[in-house]
Amino acid sequence: MTVEEIRGDSENFPVGMRVLAVDDDPICLKLLDTLLRKCQYHVTTTSQARMALKMLRENKERFDLVISDVHMPDMDGFKLLELVGLEMDLPVIMLSANSDPKLVMKGVTHGACDYLVKPVRIEELRNIWQHVIRRKKFDGKNQNKSGDQVKTHQASREGHGLH
């Protein structure tokens, strides 16, 4: 289900939301997969951040949201967060056993829409769909705002005020 379909079929959303889950710990990844499926999300898993990035680059329309562990051997989760933020418009949730406030703030300041502490609970995962909706609403507002800024800039350059 794409985000565009959400608007037309809102009564069924978030059923079918497409999540890419990334964690190098096979037990945590299996638990995450099981919990996400119980929430009726479509889940794709990988234990490697580089593979996740490859999957996203090949077909970013396949996913609505990414959940990534922070500490992984092949690529730091924050690096994955940065690259996803630069290359595609997908919300990313960071995941870690470390609840250090500095680490949480690093995730949020680098663009994560949420930071979940392991072990993750199903109650937390039931609400992650809201990040997809917020991202789309925020993007729509930003596009309108940037258009308004251009009009304001043009009017002030021409010596006219906007009334």
C-alpha atoms as a PDB file:
ATOM      1  CA  MET A   1       0.000   0.000   0.000  1.00  0.00           C
ATOM      2  CA  THR A   2       1.457   3.306  -0.987  1.00  0.00           C
ATOM      3  CA  VAL A   3       0.957   6.470   0.989  1.00  0.00           C
ATOM      4  CA  GLU A   4      -1.103   7.839  -1.904  1.00  0.00           C
ATOM      5  CA  GLU A   5      -3.480   4.891  -1.513  1.00  0.00           C
ATOM      6  CA  ILE A   6      -3.826   5.706   2.180  1.00  0.00           C
ATOM      7  CA  ARG A   7      -5.865   8.790   1.415  1.00  0.00           C
ATOM      8  CA  GLY A   8      -8.294   6.817  -0.726  1.00  0.00           C
ATOM      9  CA  ASP A   9      -8.526   3.838   1.615  1.00  0.00           C
ATOM     10  CA  SER A  10      -8.015   5.368   5.049  1.00  0.00           C
ATOM     11  CA  GLU A  11     -10.355   2.958   6.811  1.00  0.00           C
ATOM     12  CA  ASN A  12      -7.909   0.076   6.232  1.00  0.00           C
ATOM     13  CA  PHE A  13      -4.706   1.978   6.920  1.00  0.00           C
ATOM     14  CA  PRO A  14      -2.290   1.213   8.551  1.00  0.00           C
ATOM     15  CA  VAL A  15      -2.919  -2.397   7.508  1.00  0.00           C
ATOM     16  CA  GLY A  16      -0.407  -3.228   4.820  1.00  0.00           C
ATOM     17  CA  MET A  17       2.102  -0.473   5.585  1.00  0.00           C
ATOM     18  CA  ARG A  18       5.463  -1.532   4.144  1.00  0.00           C
ATOM     19  CA  VAL A  19       8.312  -1.572   6.646  1.00  0.00           C
ATOM     20  CA  LEU A  20      11.994  -2.276   6.040  1.00  0.00           C
ATOM     21  CA  ALA A  21      13.529  -3.574   9.289  1.00  0.00           C
ATOM     22  CA  VAL A  22      17.328  -3.572   9.678  1.00  0.00           C
ATOM     23  CA  ASP A  23      19.175  -5.214  12.583  1.00  0.00           C
ATOM     24  CA  ASP A  24      22.344  -7.307  12.682  1.00  0.00           C
ATOM     25  CA  ASP A  25      21.098  -9.279  15.725  1.00  0.00           C
ATOM     26  CA  PRO A  26      19.111 -12.213  14.275  1.00  0.00           C
ATOM     27  CA  ILE A  27      17.014 -12.688  17.428  1.00  0.00           C
ATOM     28  CA  CYS A  28      16.058  -9.003  17.621  1.00  0.00           C
ATOM     29  CA  LEU A  29      15.318  -8.948  13.896  1.00  0.00           C
ATOM     30  CA  LYS A  30      13.054 -12.014  14.158  1.00  0.00           C
ATOM     31  CA  LEU A  31      11.216 -10.507  17.148  1.00  0.00           C
ATOM     32  CA  LEU A  32      10.805  -7.194  15.311  1.00  0.00           C
ATOM     33  CA  ASP A  33       9.523  -9.027  12.229  1.00  0.00           C
ATOM     34  CA  THR A  34       6.999 -11.009  14.300  1.00  0.00           C
ATOM     35  CA  LEU A  35       5.702  -7.943  16.154  1.00  0.00           C
ATOM     36  CA  LEU A  36       5.408  -5.853  12.984  1.00  0.00           C
ATOM     37  CA  ARG A  37       3.465  -8.641  11.271  1.00  0.00           C
ATOM     38  CA  LYS A  38       1.106  -8.833  14.267  1.00  0.00           C
ATOM     39  CA  CYS A  39       0.388  -5.156  13.556  1.00  0.00           C
ATOM     40  CA  GLN A  40      -0.564  -6.273  10.013  1.00  0.00           C
ATOM     41  CA  TYR A  41       2.354  -4.480   8.357  1.00  0.00           C
ATOM     42  CA  HIS A  42       4.184  -5.923   5.357  1.00  0.00           C
ATOM     43  CA  VAL A  43       7.747  -6.500   6.534  1.00  0.00           C
ATOM     44  CA  THR A  44      11.038  -6.900   4.704  1.00  0.00           C
ATOM     45  CA  THR A  45      14.069  -7.665   6.863  1.00  0.00           C
ATOM     46  CA  THR A  46      17.805  -7.531   6.404  1.00  0.00           C
ATOM     47  CA  SER A  47      20.701  -7.926   8.810  1.00  0.00           C
ATOM     48  CA  GLN A  48      22.951  -5.528   6.890  1.00  0.00           C
ATOM     49  CA  ALA A  49      22.642  -1.761   6.569  1.00  0.00           C
ATOM     50  CA  ARG A  50      24.407  -1.806   3.192  1.00  0.00           C
ATOM     51  CA  MET A  51      21.858  -4.302   1.863  1.00  0.00           C
ATOM     52  CA  ALA A  52      19.034  -2.113   3.201  1.00  0.00           C
ATOM     53  CA  LEU A  53      20.495   0.887   1.385  1.00  0.00           C
ATOM     54  CA  LYS A  54      20.828  -1.152  -1.822  1.00  0.00           C
ATOM     55  CA  MET A  55      17.183  -2.278  -1.557  1.00  0.00           C
ATOM     56  CA  LEU A  56      16.025   1.289  -0.950  1.00  0.00           C
ATOM     57  CA  ARG A  57      18.075   2.690  -3.824  1.00  0.00           C
ATOM     58  CA  GLU A  58      16.772   0.045  -6.228  1.00  0.00           C
ATOM     59  CA  ASN A  59      13.133   0.652  -5.353  1.00  0.00           C
ATOM     60  CA  LYS A  60      12.367   3.195  -2.640  1.00  0.00           C
ATOM     61  CA  GLU A  61       8.662   3.117  -3.573  1.00  0.00           C
ATOM     62  CA  ARG A  62       8.552  -0.395  -2.115  1.00  0.00           C
ATOM     63  CA  PHE A  63       8.687   0.952   1.446  1.00  0.00           C
ATOM     64  CA  ASP A  64       6.757   3.408   3.588  1.00  0.00           C
ATOM     65  CA  LEU A  65       9.078   3.391   6.608  1.00  0.00           C
ATOM     66  CA  VAL A  66      12.502   2.141   7.764  1.00  0.00           C
ATOM     67  CA  ILE A  67      13.352   0.845  11.247  1.00  0.00           C
ATOM     68  CA  SER A  68      17.105   0.561  11.775  1.00  0.00           C
ATOM     69  CA  ASP A  69      19.316  -0.561  14.620  1.00  0.00           C
ATOM     70  CA  VAL A  70      21.949   1.987  15.615  1.00  0.00           C
ATOM     71  CA  HIS A  71      24.961  -0.312  16.057  1.00  0.00           C
ATOM     72  CA  MET A  72      25.714  -2.553  13.084  1.00  0.00           C
ATOM     73  CA  PRO A  73      29.074  -3.850  11.852  1.00  0.00           C
ATOM     74  CA  ASP A  74      28.833  -2.986   8.149  1.00  0.00           C
ATOM     75  CA  MET A  75      27.486   0.570   8.499  1.00  0.00           C
ATOM     76  CA  ASP A  76      26.481   2.691  11.454  1.00  0.00           C
ATOM     77  CA  GLY A  77      22.706   3.140  11.726  1.00  0.00           C
ATOM     78  CA  PHE A  78      23.203   6.912  11.831  1.00  0.00           C
ATOM     79  CA  LYS A  79      25.017   6.753   8.491  1.00  0.00           C
ATOM     80  CA  LEU A  80      22.097   4.811   7.029  1.00  0.00           C
ATOM     81  CA  LEU A  81      19.740   7.438   8.491  1.00  0.00           C
ATOM     82  CA  GLU A  82      21.796  10.210   6.883  1.00  0.00           C
ATOM     83  CA  LEU A  83      21.861   8.545   3.453  1.00  0.00           C
ATOM     84  CA  VAL A  84      18.142   7.761   3.489  1.00  0.00           C
ATOM     85  CA  GLY A  85      17.482  11.383   4.461  1.00  0.00           C
ATOM     86  CA  LEU A  86      19.633  12.716   1.623  1.00  0.00           C
ATOM     87  CA  GLU A  87      18.484  10.345  -1.107  1.00  0.00           C
ATOM     88  CA  MET A  88      14.848   9.534  -0.398  1.00  0.00           C
ATOM     89  CA  ASP A  89      11.872  10.820   1.482  1.00  0.00           C
ATOM     90  CA  LEU A  90      11.192   8.041   3.974  1.00  0.00           C
ATOM     91  CA  PRO A  91      10.682   8.269   7.724  1.00  0.00           C
ATOM     92  CA  VAL A  92      13.349   6.387   9.687  1.00  0.00           C
ATOM     93  CA  ILE A  93      12.972   5.072  13.222  1.00  0.00           C
ATOM     94  CA  MET A  94      16.174   4.304  15.110  1.00  0.00           C
ATOM     95  CA  LEU A  95      16.346   1.267  17.381  1.00  0.00           C
ATOM     96  CA  SER A  96      18.894   0.479  20.100  1.00  0.00           C
ATOM     97  CA  ALA A  97      19.386  -1.262  23.426  1.00  0.00           C
ATOM     98  CA  ASN A  98      21.202   1.911  24.509  1.00  0.00           C
ATOM     99  CA  SER A  99      18.852   4.493  26.010  1.00  0.00           C
ATOM    100  CA  ASP A 100      21.571   7.107  26.593  1.00  0.00           C
ATOM    101  CA  PRO A 101      19.902  10.520  26.076  1.00  0.00           C
ATOM    102  CA  LYS A 102      22.896  11.706  24.003  1.00  0.00           C
ATOM    103  CA  LEU A 103      22.394   8.832  21.579  1.00  0.00           C
ATOM    104  CA  VAL A 104      18.648   9.468  21.414  1.00  0.00           C
ATOM    105  CA  MET A 105      19.264  13.165  20.693  1.00  0.00           C
ATOM    106  CA  LYS A 106      21.832  12.284  18.032  1.00  0.00           C
ATOM    107  CA  GLY A 107      19.201  10.183  16.267  1.00  0.00           C
ATOM    108  CA  VAL A 108      16.557  12.882  16.440  1.00  0.00           C
ATOM    109  CA  THR A 109      18.907  15.694  15.379  1.00  0.00           C
ATOM    110  CA  HIS A 110      20.079  13.593  12.432  1.00  0.00           C
ATOM    111  CA  GLY A 111      16.517  13.199  11.192  1.00  0.00           C
ATOM    112  CA  ALA A 112      15.063  10.129  12.895  1.00  0.00           C
ATOM    113  CA  CYS A 113      11.333  10.492  13.432  1.00  0.00           C
ATOM    114  CA  ASP A 114      11.497   8.271  16.522  1.00  0.00           C
ATOM    115  CA  TYR A 115      13.933   6.336  18.700  1.00  0.00           C
ATOM    116  CA  LEU A 116      12.811   3.033  20.193  1.00  0.00           C
ATOM    117  CA  VAL A 117      14.660   1.259  22.986  1.00  0.00           C
ATOM    118  CA  LYS A 118      15.032  -2.537  22.866  1.00  0.00           C
ATOM    119  CA  PRO A 119      13.263  -4.683  23.740  1.00  0.00           C
ATOM    120  CA  VAL A 120      10.637  -3.103  21.555  1.00  0.00           C
ATOM    121  CA  ARG A 121       6.990  -3.510  22.549  1.00  0.00           C
ATOM    122  CA  ILE A 122       4.078  -4.121  20.223  1.00  0.00           C
ATOM    123  CA  GLU A 123       2.302  -1.044  21.616  1.00  0.00           C
ATOM    124  CA  GLU A 124       5.123   1.140  20.272  1.00  0.00           C
ATOM    125  CA  LEU A 125       5.021  -0.538  16.867  1.00  0.00           C
ATOM    126  CA  ARG A 126       1.254  -0.190  16.506  1.00  0.00           C
ATOM    127  CA  ASN A 127       1.687   3.589  16.318  1.00  0.00           C
ATOM    128  CA  ILE A 128       4.621   3.897  13.898  1.00  0.00           C
ATOM    129  CA  TRP A 129       2.268   4.430  10.942  1.00  0.00           C
ATOM    130  CA  GLN A 130       1.671   7.952  12.247  1.00  0.00           C
ATOM    131  CA  HIS A 131       5.196   8.907  11.156  1.00  0.00           C
ATOM    132  CA  VAL A 132       4.306   8.100   7.545  1.00  0.00           C
ATOM    133  CA  ILE A 133       1.209  10.316   7.684  1.00  0.00           C
ATOM    134  CA  ARG A 134       3.090  13.147   9.430  1.00  0.00           C
ATOM    135  CA  ARG A 135       5.859  13.031   6.839  1.00  0.00           C
ATOM    136  CA  LYS A 136       3.392  13.353   3.979  1.00  0.00           C
ATOM    137  CA  LYS A 137       1.442  16.161   5.666  1.00  0.00           C
ATOM    138  CA  PHE A 138       4.662  17.976   6.581  1.00  0.00           C
ATOM    139  CA  ASP A 139       5.967  17.676   3.022  1.00  0.00           C
ATOM    140  CA  GLY A 140       2.722  19.074   1.636  1.00  0.00           C
ATOM    141  CA  LYS A 141       2.932  22.055   3.997  1.00  0.00           C
ATOM    142  CA  ASN A 142       6.599  22.613   3.135  1.00  0.00           C
ATOM    143  CA  GLN A 143       5.836  22.653  -0.582  1.00  0.00           C
ATOM    144  CA  ASN A 144       3.105  25.252  -0.029  1.00  0.00           C
ATOM    145  CA  LYS A 145       5.332  27.266   2.278  1.00  0.00           C
ATOM    146  CA  SER A 146       8.233  27.298  -0.183  1.00  0.00           C
ATOM    147  CA  GLY A 147       5.861  28.529  -2.894  1.00  0.00           C
ATOM    148  CA  ASP A 148       4.705  31.327  -0.569  1.00  0.00           C
ATOM    149  CA  GLN A 149       8.316  32.238   0.191  1.00  0.00           C
ATOM    150  CA  VAL A 150       9.079  32.549  -3.514  1.00  0.00           C
ATOM    151  CA  LYS A 151       6.049  34.839  -3.994  1.00  0.00           C
ATOM    152  CA  THR A 152       7.090  36.936  -0.996  1.00  0.00           C
ATOM    153  CA  HIS A 153      10.659  37.180  -2.250  1.00  0.00           C
ATOM    154  CA  GLN A 154       9.551  38.151  -5.773  1.00  0.00           C
ATOM    155  CA  ALA A 155       7.099  40.762  -4.478  1.00  0.00           C
ATOM    156  CA  SER A 156       9.676  42.364  -2.203  1.00  0.00           C
ATOM    157  CA  ARG A 157      12.265  42.447  -5.018  1.00  0.00           C
ATOM    158  CA  GLU A 158       9.779  44.199  -7.267  1.00  0.00           C
ATOM    159  CA  GLY A 159       9.010  46.734  -4.549  1.00  0.00           C
ATOM    160  CA  HIS A 160       5.492  45.461  -3.927  1.00  0.00           C
ATOM    161  CA  GLY A 161       4.166  44.219  -0.650  1.00  0.00           C
ATOM    162  CA  LEU A 162       1.873  41.248  -0.284  1.00  0.00           C
ATOM    163  CA  HIS A 163      -1.492  42.307   1.104  1.00  0.00           C
END
